[in-house]
Amino acid sequence: MTSSVQGSPMKALIVEDMAVHALIISTILRKFHYEITVAENGNEAVQLFLEGKKFDIIFCDKDMPVMSGLEAIEKIRALGESHVKIVGISADDNAQEAFMSAGANVFLPKPMKFDVVGPMIQEVINKKNNTMV
């Protein structure tokens, strides 16, 4: 079962090159019944948007091969995707400023904690529910 707003499932994109980290985020998102797509680098994420895919929330790692998360966020925002909530994630505690400059809405250090991520995910669901009424 997926979370839905007016019949439309909530969609999440995880941009992460480390499978174990993507699995952790997926596990959290599944608790909220999100439809999940995983991209292994920033280029794959940008391509999804170029193909017309839409997401409600993106969890994006910083350092990845092919295209960094920061570059991907800049390109996604440049495509006019201002509605999607982008969460920058990194083990680098100094990454917050870089993520915010690139266009992320919020930064979370790894490892992510459910008690921090859960309310953020619920907020996106609530916001979409309120705008669709």
Protein backbone atom coordinates (compact mmCIF):
# COMPACT_ATOMS: atom_id res chain seq x y z
CA MET A 1 0.00 0.00 0.00
CA THR A 2 1.31 3.46 -0.84
CA SER A 3 0.60 6.82 0.77
CA SER A 4 -1.65 8.71 -1.53
CA VAL A 5 -3.04 12.14 -1.94
CA GLN A 6 -6.30 12.28 -3.88
CA GLY A 7 -5.45 8.89 -5.43
CA SER A 8 -1.91 9.89 -6.39
CA PRO A 9 0.85 7.91 -4.63
CA MET A 10 3.55 9.80 -2.75
CA LYS A 11 6.83 9.39 -4.62
CA ALA A 12 10.38 9.49 -3.31
CA LEU A 13 13.69 9.52 -5.12
CA ILE A 14 16.81 8.26 -3.38
CA VAL A 15 20.05 9.40 -5.02
CA GLU A 16 22.73 7.28 -3.37
CA ASP A 17 25.64 5.23 -4.71
CA MET A 18 26.00 3.03 -1.61
CA ALA A 19 23.37 0.28 -1.61
CA VAL A 20 23.29 -0.05 2.18
CA HIS A 21 22.50 3.66 2.62
CA ALA A 22 19.78 3.49 -0.04
CA LEU A 23 18.31 0.48 1.77
CA ILE A 24 18.19 2.34 5.09
CA ILE A 25 16.37 5.31 3.52
CA SER A 26 14.02 2.96 1.63
CA THR A 27 13.15 1.17 4.86
CA ILE A 28 12.17 4.47 6.48
CA LEU A 29 10.14 5.57 3.45
CA ARG A 30 8.32 2.23 3.28
CA LYS A 31 6.95 2.88 6.78
CA PHE A 32 5.11 5.80 5.17
CA HIS A 33 4.07 3.74 2.12
CA TYR A 34 6.02 5.81 -0.42
CA GLU A 35 6.61 4.66 -3.98
CA ILE A 36 10.44 4.60 -4.17
CA THR A 37 12.86 5.09 -7.05
CA VAL A 38 16.62 4.76 -6.57
CA ALA A 39 19.28 6.49 -8.70
CA GLU A 40 22.92 5.51 -8.19
CA ASN A 41 24.33 8.93 -9.11
CA GLY A 42 23.31 12.48 -9.84
CA ASN A 43 23.20 11.98 -13.59
CA GLU A 44 20.61 9.19 -13.25
CA ALA A 45 18.52 11.49 -11.04
CA VAL A 46 18.60 14.35 -13.55
CA GLN A 47 17.69 11.95 -16.37
CA LEU A 48 14.56 10.89 -14.47
CA PHE A 49 13.39 14.50 -14.37
CA LEU A 50 14.25 14.99 -18.05
CA GLU A 51 12.01 11.96 -18.76
CA GLY A 52 9.15 13.76 -17.01
CA LYS A 53 9.19 11.85 -13.72
CA LYS A 54 7.91 13.74 -10.66
CA PHE A 55 8.74 13.22 -6.99
CA ASP A 56 7.47 14.63 -3.72
CA ILE A 57 10.78 14.24 -1.86
CA ILE A 58 14.38 13.51 -2.81
CA PHE A 59 17.10 12.20 -0.51
CA CYS A 60 20.40 13.04 -2.19
CA ASP A 61 23.92 12.00 -1.19
CA LYS A 62 26.77 14.46 -1.75
CA ASP A 63 29.70 12.46 -3.09
CA MET A 64 28.90 10.05 -5.93
CA PRO A 65 30.55 8.96 -9.17
CA VAL A 66 29.55 10.43 -12.57
CA MET A 67 27.73 13.48 -11.09
CA SER A 68 27.75 14.72 -7.50
CA GLY A 69 24.59 15.27 -5.52
CA LEU A 70 25.27 19.00 -5.40
CA GLU A 71 25.47 19.26 -9.19
CA ALA A 72 22.33 17.13 -9.56
CA ILE A 73 20.38 19.37 -7.17
CA GLU A 74 21.43 22.48 -9.10
CA LYS A 75 20.33 20.88 -12.40
CA ILE A 76 17.01 19.65 -10.98
CA ARG A 77 16.23 23.13 -9.62
CA ALA A 78 17.28 24.67 -12.97
CA LEU A 79 14.66 22.45 -14.63
CA GLY A 80 12.04 24.35 -12.62
CA GLU A 81 11.48 21.66 -10.00
CA SER A 82 10.84 24.02 -7.09
CA HIS A 83 7.98 22.03 -5.51
CA VAL A 84 10.00 18.93 -4.62
CA LYS A 85 11.54 18.81 -1.14
CA ILE A 86 15.23 17.96 -1.43
CA VAL A 87 17.07 16.53 1.56
CA GLY A 88 20.85 16.58 1.28
CA ILE A 89 22.53 13.72 3.14
CA SER A 90 26.20 13.20 3.85
CA ALA A 91 28.65 11.84 6.40
CA ASP A 92 30.51 15.13 5.89
CA ASP A 93 29.33 17.37 8.73
CA ASN A 94 30.50 20.42 6.79
CA ALA A 95 28.23 19.70 3.80
CA GLN A 96 25.21 21.69 5.00
CA GLU A 97 26.26 25.01 3.48
CA ALA A 98 27.12 23.38 0.14
CA PHE A 99 23.75 21.60 0.00
CA MET A 100 21.81 24.74 0.86
CA SER A 101 23.71 26.75 -1.77
CA ALA A 102 22.93 24.07 -4.37
CA GLY A 103 19.19 24.31 -3.67
CA ALA A 104 18.44 21.66 -1.04
CA ASN A 105 15.72 22.44 1.48
CA VAL A 106 17.40 20.72 4.40
CA PHE A 107 20.56 18.82 5.33
CA LEU A 108 20.76 15.65 7.41
CA PRO A 109 24.03 14.10 8.54
CA LYS A 110 24.58 10.37 8.16
CA PRO A 111 23.68 8.19 9.87
CA MET A 112 20.10 9.41 9.64
CA LYS A 113 17.79 8.84 12.57
CA PHE A 114 14.16 7.79 12.15
CA ASP A 115 12.98 10.26 14.81
CA VAL A 116 14.35 13.10 12.65
CA VAL A 117 13.47 11.74 9.19
CA GLY A 118 9.99 10.43 10.06
CA PRO A 119 8.44 13.80 10.93
CA MET A 120 10.04 15.36 7.83
CA ILE A 121 8.45 12.71 5.59
CA GLN A 122 5.09 13.14 7.31
CA GLU A 123 5.33 16.91 6.78
CA VAL A 124 5.64 16.38 3.01
CA ILE A 125 2.55 14.13 3.06
CA ASN A 126 0.59 16.65 5.13
CA LYS A 127 1.64 19.56 2.90
CA LYS A 128 0.56 17.71 -0.24
CA ASN A 129 -2.74 16.73 1.39
CA ASN A 130 -3.42 20.35 2.33
CA THR A 131 -2.63 21.74 -1.13
CA MET A 132 -4.78 19.15 -2.88
CA VAL A 133 -7.96 19.87 -0.90
